[in-house]
Amino acid sequence: MSLFDASFFKRLGFYLFGLSIGIVFLAFFFKKKTEETGVSFCYLPNCRTLKDMRSKPITYSDEIGTMLQNKELDTTALHIFFTAGDVDFSKSDTEAAPCKKYRINHETDEGLTRINVANCANKVVIMDFEVVAEF
């Protein structure tokens, strides 16, 4: 009688089958739970940085304030950066004091846009807005 006879493989098959059913069940359960409560799991640096910025009040520099008053820009276009934007860490200054400086890119059907943001301890300041490329 060998160590790995047919009964071992049979038990292993049952174990793996039950484990796979359990994993599928948990995936559906947790997905439903996160949709109901609005809880998200942000572990990557981009997601964590944007989530931190969304939790603070957003203010605008004089340049952005003028663009908003002249209706060249609206607040919805700016707030989409904090939900669907990509932080360019290579162009950001995360060691700056007192406010960390971030560059956030957002690609739409019209083109690529960019904002520079100062992430302070109690607020976020949108410094400037730039259309990088139009499609």
N, C-alpha and C. Protein backbone atom coordinates (compact mmCIF):
# COMPACT_ATOMS: atom_id res chain seq x y z
N MET A 1 0.84 -1.17 0.00
CA MET A 1 0.00 0.00 0.00
C MET A 1 0.90 1.24 0.00
N SER A 2 0.68 2.12 -0.97
CA SER A 2 1.51 3.31 -1.07
C SER A 2 0.90 4.46 -0.27
N LEU A 3 1.72 5.45 -0.06
CA LEU A 3 1.28 6.62 0.71
C LEU A 3 0.17 7.38 -0.02
N PHE A 4 0.26 7.46 -1.33
CA PHE A 4 -0.72 8.18 -2.13
C PHE A 4 -1.58 7.19 -2.90
N ASP A 5 -2.46 6.53 -2.23
CA ASP A 5 -3.34 5.60 -2.92
C ASP A 5 -4.60 6.33 -3.39
N ALA A 6 -5.52 5.62 -3.98
CA ALA A 6 -6.71 6.21 -4.59
C ALA A 6 -7.58 6.95 -3.57
N SER A 7 -7.65 6.48 -2.35
CA SER A 7 -8.51 7.15 -1.36
C SER A 7 -7.99 8.54 -1.02
N PHE A 8 -6.67 8.73 -1.03
CA PHE A 8 -6.09 10.05 -0.76
C PHE A 8 -6.51 11.03 -1.84
N PHE A 9 -6.39 10.64 -3.11
CA PHE A 9 -6.74 11.52 -4.21
C PHE A 9 -8.24 11.80 -4.23
N LYS A 10 -9.03 10.83 -3.82
CA LYS A 10 -10.47 11.02 -3.73
C LYS A 10 -10.80 12.07 -2.66
N ARG A 11 -10.17 11.96 -1.49
CA ARG A 11 -10.39 12.93 -0.43
C ARG A 11 -9.88 14.32 -0.83
N LEU A 12 -8.74 14.35 -1.50
CA LEU A 12 -8.19 15.62 -1.97
C LEU A 12 -9.15 16.28 -2.97
N GLY A 13 -9.73 15.51 -3.85
CA GLY A 13 -10.71 16.03 -4.81
C GLY A 13 -11.91 16.62 -4.11
N PHE A 14 -12.46 15.90 -3.11
CA PHE A 14 -13.60 16.41 -2.36
C PHE A 14 -13.23 17.71 -1.63
N TYR A 15 -12.05 17.75 -1.05
CA TYR A 15 -11.58 18.94 -0.33
C TYR A 15 -11.49 20.13 -1.28
N LEU A 16 -10.85 19.96 -2.44
CA LEU A 16 -10.69 21.06 -3.39
C LEU A 16 -12.03 21.50 -3.95
N PHE A 17 -12.94 20.56 -4.19
CA PHE A 17 -14.27 20.91 -4.68
C PHE A 17 -15.02 21.76 -3.64
N GLY A 18 -15.00 21.36 -2.41
CA GLY A 18 -15.66 22.12 -1.34
C GLY A 18 -15.02 23.47 -1.13
N LEU A 19 -13.69 23.51 -1.21
CA LEU A 19 -12.98 24.78 -1.05
C LEU A 19 -13.36 25.76 -2.16
N SER A 20 -13.44 25.27 -3.39
CA SER A 20 -13.79 26.16 -4.51
C SER A 20 -15.22 26.67 -4.38
N ILE A 21 -16.15 25.84 -3.94
CA ILE A 21 -17.52 26.30 -3.72
C ILE A 21 -17.54 27.37 -2.62
N GLY A 22 -16.79 27.17 -1.56
CA GLY A 22 -16.72 28.14 -0.48
C GLY A 22 -16.14 29.47 -0.92
N ILE A 23 -15.12 29.44 -1.74
CA ILE A 23 -14.50 30.68 -2.22
C ILE A 23 -15.47 31.44 -3.11
N VAL A 24 -16.17 30.74 -3.99
CA VAL A 24 -17.16 31.40 -4.84
C VAL A 24 -18.27 32.02 -3.99
N PHE A 25 -18.75 31.29 -3.01
CA PHE A 25 -19.78 31.81 -2.11
C PHE A 25 -19.30 33.07 -1.39
N LEU A 26 -18.09 33.05 -0.85
CA LEU A 26 -17.57 34.23 -0.14
C LEU A 26 -17.38 35.42 -1.07
N ALA A 27 -16.94 35.16 -2.31
CA ALA A 27 -16.76 36.26 -3.26
C ALA A 27 -18.09 36.95 -3.53
N PHE A 28 -19.15 36.19 -3.77
CA PHE A 28 -20.46 36.80 -4.00
C PHE A 28 -20.98 37.49 -2.74
N PHE A 29 -20.79 36.89 -1.60
CA PHE A 29 -21.27 37.46 -0.34
C PHE A 29 -20.58 38.79 -0.05
N PHE A 30 -19.25 38.84 -0.16
CA PHE A 30 -18.53 40.08 0.14
C PHE A 30 -18.77 41.15 -0.91
N LYS A 31 -18.96 40.75 -2.16
CA LYS A 31 -19.26 41.73 -3.19
C LYS A 31 -20.60 42.39 -2.90
N LYS A 32 -21.58 41.60 -2.55
CA LYS A 32 -22.90 42.14 -2.22
C LYS A 32 -22.81 43.04 -0.99
N LYS A 33 -22.04 42.62 0.00
CA LYS A 33 -21.90 43.39 1.24
C LYS A 33 -21.24 44.74 0.98
N THR A 34 -20.23 44.80 0.13
CA THR A 34 -19.55 46.06 -0.15
C THR A 34 -20.44 46.99 -0.96
N GLU A 35 -21.30 46.45 -1.83
CA GLU A 35 -22.22 47.30 -2.58
C GLU A 35 -23.26 47.92 -1.67
N GLU A 36 -23.73 47.18 -0.67
CA GLU A 36 -24.75 47.68 0.25
C GLU A 36 -24.20 48.76 1.17
N THR A 37 -23.03 48.56 1.70
CA THR A 37 -22.49 49.48 2.69
C THR A 37 -21.60 50.56 2.11
N GLY A 38 -21.18 50.41 0.86
CA GLY A 38 -20.30 51.39 0.26
C GLY A 38 -18.86 51.27 0.71
N VAL A 39 -18.51 50.17 1.34
CA VAL A 39 -17.15 49.95 1.81
C VAL A 39 -16.30 49.49 0.64
N SER A 40 -15.12 50.06 0.51
CA SER A 40 -14.21 49.61 -0.54
C SER A 40 -12.87 49.26 0.09
N PHE A 41 -12.16 48.40 -0.56
CA PHE A 41 -10.87 47.97 -0.07
C PHE A 41 -9.79 48.64 -0.91
N CYS A 42 -9.18 49.67 -0.36
CA CYS A 42 -8.15 50.44 -1.04
C CYS A 42 -6.79 50.05 -0.47
N TYR A 43 -6.05 49.26 -1.20
CA TYR A 43 -4.73 48.86 -0.74
C TYR A 43 -3.62 49.42 -1.62
N LEU A 44 -3.91 49.74 -2.87
CA LEU A 44 -2.88 50.25 -3.75
C LEU A 44 -2.64 51.73 -3.49
N PRO A 45 -1.43 52.22 -3.75
CA PRO A 45 -1.11 53.62 -3.43
C PRO A 45 -2.01 54.64 -4.13
N ASN A 46 -2.35 54.40 -5.40
CA ASN A 46 -3.21 55.33 -6.13
C ASN A 46 -4.57 55.45 -5.44
N CYS A 47 -5.17 54.34 -5.11
CA CYS A 47 -6.48 54.32 -4.47
C CYS A 47 -6.44 54.96 -3.09
N ARG A 48 -5.41 54.67 -2.33
CA ARG A 48 -5.30 55.22 -0.97
C ARG A 48 -5.10 56.73 -1.00
N THR A 49 -4.31 57.22 -1.95
CA THR A 49 -4.06 58.66 -2.05
C THR A 49 -5.34 59.40 -2.43
N LEU A 50 -6.06 58.88 -3.44
CA LEU A 50 -7.29 59.53 -3.86
C LEU A 50 -8.36 59.47 -2.77
N LYS A 51 -8.42 58.36 -2.05
CA LYS A 51 -9.39 58.24 -0.96
C LYS A 51 -9.09 59.24 0.15
N ASP A 52 -7.81 59.44 0.45
CA ASP A 52 -7.42 60.44 1.45
C ASP A 52 -7.84 61.83 1.01
N MET A 53 -7.66 62.15 -0.26
CA MET A 53 -8.04 63.47 -0.77
C MET A 53 -9.55 63.66 -0.76
N ARG A 54 -10.30 62.62 -1.07
CA ARG A 54 -11.77 62.72 -1.07
C ARG A 54 -12.33 62.97 0.33
N SER A 55 -11.59 62.58 1.35
CA SER A 55 -12.08 62.73 2.72
C SER A 55 -11.90 64.15 3.27
N LYS A 56 -11.24 65.03 2.52
CA LYS A 56 -10.97 66.40 2.98
C LYS A 56 -11.75 67.40 2.13
N PRO A 57 -11.99 68.59 2.68
CA PRO A 57 -12.64 69.63 1.86
C PRO A 57 -11.70 70.08 0.74
N ILE A 58 -12.31 70.35 -0.42
CA ILE A 58 -11.54 70.74 -1.60
C ILE A 58 -11.69 72.23 -1.81
N THR A 59 -10.55 72.91 -1.94
CA THR A 59 -10.53 74.34 -2.23
C THR A 59 -9.80 74.55 -3.55
N TYR A 60 -9.86 75.77 -4.07
CA TYR A 60 -9.31 76.06 -5.38
C TYR A 60 -8.33 77.23 -5.30
N SER A 61 -7.32 77.20 -6.14
CA SER A 61 -6.39 78.32 -6.24
C SER A 61 -7.11 79.46 -6.95
N ASP A 62 -6.48 80.63 -6.99
CA ASP A 62 -7.08 81.79 -7.67
C ASP A 62 -7.29 81.50 -9.16
N GLU A 63 -6.33 80.82 -9.77
CA GLU A 63 -6.42 80.49 -11.20
C GLU A 63 -7.64 79.60 -11.47
N ILE A 64 -7.82 78.58 -10.66
CA ILE A 64 -8.95 77.67 -10.83
C ILE A 64 -10.25 78.40 -10.51
N GLY A 65 -10.25 79.24 -9.48
CA GLY A 65 -11.43 80.02 -9.13
C GLY A 65 -11.89 80.91 -10.28
N THR A 66 -10.93 81.53 -10.98
CA THR A 66 -11.26 82.36 -12.13
C THR A 66 -11.84 81.52 -13.26
N MET A 67 -11.25 80.35 -13.50
CA MET A 67 -11.77 79.47 -14.55
C MET A 67 -13.18 79.00 -14.23
N LEU A 68 -13.47 78.76 -12.96
CA LEU A 68 -14.82 78.36 -12.56
C LEU A 68 -15.81 79.50 -12.74
N GLN A 69 -15.41 80.72 -12.39
CA GLN A 69 -16.30 81.88 -12.56
C GLN A 69 -16.58 82.17 -14.02
N ASN A 70 -15.59 81.96 -14.89
CA ASN A 70 -15.76 82.21 -16.32
C ASN A 70 -16.40 81.04 -17.05
N LYS A 71 -16.78 80.02 -16.30
CA LYS A 71 -17.43 78.82 -16.83
C LYS A 71 -16.57 78.08 -17.87
N GLU A 72 -15.25 78.23 -17.75
CA GLU A 72 -14.32 77.45 -18.58
C GLU A 72 -14.18 76.04 -18.02
N LEU A 73 -14.59 75.87 -16.78
CA LEU A 73 -14.41 74.63 -16.04
C LEU A 73 -15.55 74.51 -15.05
N ASP A 74 -15.94 73.28 -14.72
CA ASP A 74 -16.95 73.12 -13.68
C ASP A 74 -16.43 72.17 -12.61
N THR A 75 -17.07 72.22 -11.45
CA THR A 75 -16.58 71.44 -10.31
C THR A 75 -16.73 69.94 -10.54
N THR A 76 -17.71 69.53 -11.33
CA THR A 76 -17.88 68.11 -11.62
C THR A 76 -16.67 67.56 -12.37
N ALA A 77 -16.16 68.35 -13.32
CA ALA A 77 -14.98 67.92 -14.07
C ALA A 77 -13.76 67.80 -13.17
N LEU A 78 -13.70 68.62 -12.13
CA LEU A 78 -12.57 68.55 -11.22
C LEU A 78 -12.71 67.39 -10.23
N HIS A 79 -13.92 67.14 -9.75
CA HIS A 79 -14.12 66.10 -8.75
C HIS A 79 -13.97 64.69 -9.33
N ILE A 80 -14.11 64.53 -10.65
CA ILE A 80 -13.92 63.21 -11.26
C ILE A 80 -12.47 62.76 -11.13
N PHE A 81 -11.55 63.69 -10.99
CA PHE A 81 -10.14 63.34 -10.80
C PHE A 81 -9.93 62.53 -9.52
N PHE A 82 -10.74 62.82 -8.50
CA PHE A 82 -10.56 62.17 -7.21
C PHE A 82 -11.23 60.80 -7.13
N THR A 83 -12.00 60.45 -8.15
CA THR A 83 -12.61 59.11 -8.17
C THR A 83 -12.04 58.24 -9.27
N ALA A 84 -11.74 58.83 -10.43
CA ALA A 84 -11.28 58.03 -11.57
C ALA A 84 -9.91 58.44 -12.07
N GLY A 85 -9.21 59.28 -11.33
CA GLY A 85 -7.90 59.76 -11.77
C GLY A 85 -6.78 58.79 -11.48
N ASP A 86 -5.65 59.04 -12.13
CA ASP A 86 -4.43 58.25 -11.91
C ASP A 86 -3.36 59.19 -11.38
N VAL A 87 -2.87 58.92 -10.19
CA VAL A 87 -1.83 59.74 -9.59
C VAL A 87 -0.50 59.39 -10.24
N ASP A 88 0.20 60.40 -10.74
CA ASP A 88 1.51 60.22 -11.36
C ASP A 88 2.55 60.46 -10.26
N PHE A 89 2.94 59.39 -9.58
CA PHE A 89 3.85 59.52 -8.45
C PHE A 89 5.25 59.95 -8.88
N SER A 90 5.64 59.66 -10.12
CA SER A 90 6.97 60.06 -10.57
C SER A 90 7.06 61.58 -10.75
N LYS A 91 5.94 62.25 -10.98
CA LYS A 91 5.92 63.71 -11.14
C LYS A 91 5.39 64.40 -9.89
N SER A 92 5.13 63.66 -8.84
CA SER A 92 4.60 64.22 -7.59
C SER A 92 5.72 64.40 -6.58
N ASP A 93 5.50 65.33 -5.65
CA ASP A 93 6.46 65.57 -4.57
C ASP A 93 5.78 65.17 -3.26
N THR A 94 5.95 63.91 -2.90
CA THR A 94 5.27 63.39 -1.71
C THR A 94 5.99 63.72 -0.42
N GLU A 95 7.16 64.33 -0.51
CA GLU A 95 7.93 64.70 0.68
C GLU A 95 7.83 66.19 1.00
N ALA A 96 7.08 66.93 0.19
CA ALA A 96 6.97 68.38 0.39
C ALA A 96 6.28 68.69 1.71
N ALA A 97 6.69 69.81 2.31
CA ALA A 97 6.08 70.23 3.57
C ALA A 97 5.57 71.65 3.39
N PRO A 98 4.50 72.06 3.93
CA PRO A 98 3.57 71.32 4.78
C PRO A 98 2.55 70.51 3.98
N CYS A 99 2.44 70.76 2.68
CA CYS A 99 1.45 70.05 1.86
C CYS A 99 2.16 69.22 0.79
N LYS A 100 1.77 67.98 0.67
CA LYS A 100 2.31 67.12 -0.38
C LYS A 100 1.71 67.53 -1.72
N LYS A 101 2.53 67.48 -2.77
CA LYS A 101 2.10 67.89 -4.10
C LYS A 101 1.91 66.64 -4.97
N TYR A 102 0.74 66.56 -5.61
CA TYR A 102 0.44 65.42 -6.46
C TYR A 102 -0.01 65.90 -7.84
N ARG A 103 0.33 65.11 -8.85
CA ARG A 103 -0.16 65.33 -10.21
C ARG A 103 -1.11 64.19 -10.51
N ILE A 104 -2.33 64.54 -10.90
CA ILE A 104 -3.36 63.54 -11.18
C ILE A 104 -3.79 63.69 -12.63
N ASN A 105 -3.74 62.59 -13.36
CA ASN A 105 -4.16 62.55 -14.76
C ASN A 105 -5.51 61.86 -14.86
N HIS A 106 -6.28 62.29 -15.85
CA HIS A 106 -7.57 61.64 -16.13
C HIS A 106 -7.79 61.62 -17.63
N GLU A 107 -8.07 60.44 -18.16
CA GLU A 107 -8.29 60.29 -19.59
C GLU A 107 -9.77 60.11 -19.86
N THR A 108 -10.29 60.93 -20.77
CA THR A 108 -11.68 60.84 -21.19
C THR A 108 -11.72 60.58 -22.69
N ASP A 109 -12.92 60.55 -23.23
CA ASP A 109 -13.05 60.38 -24.68
C ASP A 109 -12.52 61.58 -25.44
N GLU A 110 -12.56 62.75 -24.81
CA GLU A 110 -12.09 63.97 -25.47
C GLU A 110 -10.58 64.12 -25.42
N GLY A 111 -9.94 63.58 -24.40
CA GLY A 111 -8.49 63.71 -24.31
C GLY A 111 -7.97 63.47 -22.90
N LEU A 112 -6.71 63.81 -22.72
CA LEU A 112 -6.03 63.62 -21.43
C LEU A 112 -5.94 64.97 -20.73
N THR A 113 -6.43 65.01 -19.49
CA THR A 113 -6.36 66.22 -18.68
C THR A 113 -5.55 65.95 -17.43
N ARG A 114 -5.10 67.02 -16.81
CA ARG A 114 -4.21 66.89 -15.64
C ARG A 114 -4.48 68.02 -14.66
N ILE A 115 -4.42 67.70 -13.38
CA ILE A 115 -4.46 68.72 -12.34
C ILE A 115 -3.27 68.51 -11.41
N ASN A 116 -2.83 69.59 -10.82
CA ASN A 116 -1.83 69.54 -9.77
C ASN A 116 -2.52 69.93 -8.47
N VAL A 117 -2.26 69.14 -7.43
CA VAL A 117 -2.99 69.25 -6.18
C VAL A 117 -2.01 69.37 -5.03
N ALA A 118 -2.36 70.21 -4.05
CA ALA A 118 -1.62 70.27 -2.79
C ALA A 118 -2.48 69.59 -1.73
N ASN A 119 -1.99 68.49 -1.20
CA ASN A 119 -2.72 67.72 -0.20
C ASN A 119 -2.20 68.11 1.18
N CYS A 120 -2.92 69.00 1.84
CA CYS A 120 -2.54 69.46 3.17
C CYS A 120 -3.19 68.58 4.23
N ALA A 121 -2.88 68.84 5.49
CA ALA A 121 -3.40 68.02 6.57
C ALA A 121 -4.90 68.14 6.73
N ASN A 122 -5.46 69.34 6.46
CA ASN A 122 -6.89 69.51 6.69
C ASN A 122 -7.67 69.93 5.46
N LYS A 123 -7.03 70.06 4.29
CA LYS A 123 -7.73 70.43 3.06
C LYS A 123 -6.90 70.02 1.85
N VAL A 124 -7.57 70.04 0.70
CA VAL A 124 -6.93 69.77 -0.59
C VAL A 124 -7.11 71.01 -1.45
N VAL A 125 -6.02 71.48 -2.04
CA VAL A 125 -6.07 72.67 -2.89
C VAL A 125 -5.74 72.25 -4.32
N ILE A 126 -6.68 72.50 -5.23
CA ILE A 126 -6.42 72.25 -6.65
C ILE A 126 -5.68 73.45 -7.18
N MET A 127 -4.44 73.25 -7.60
CA MET A 127 -3.57 74.35 -7.99
C MET A 127 -3.79 74.79 -9.44
N ASP A 128 -3.81 73.84 -10.37
CA ASP A 128 -4.01 74.20 -11.77
C ASP A 128 -4.62 73.04 -12.55
N PHE A 129 -5.15 73.37 -13.71
CA PHE A 129 -5.81 72.42 -14.60
C PHE A 129 -5.17 72.57 -15.97
N GLU A 130 -4.95 71.45 -16.64
CA GLU A 130 -4.29 71.50 -17.95
C GLU A 130 -4.86 70.41 -18.85
N VAL A 131 -5.15 70.77 -20.08
CA VAL A 131 -5.52 69.78 -21.10
C VAL A 131 -4.23 69.39 -21.79
N VAL A 132 -3.83 68.12 -21.62
CA VAL A 132 -2.55 67.66 -22.14
C VAL A 132 -2.66 67.30 -23.61
N ALA A 133 -3.67 66.51 -23.95
CA ALA A 133 -3.83 66.06 -25.34
C ALA A 133 -5.32 65.92 -25.64
N GLU A 134 -5.70 66.34 -26.83
CA GLU A 134 -7.08 66.19 -27.28
C GLU A 134 -7.13 65.10 -28.33
N PHE A 135 -8.17 64.28 -28.24
CA PHE A 135 -8.31 63.18 -29.21
C PHE A 135 -9.27 63.57 -30.30
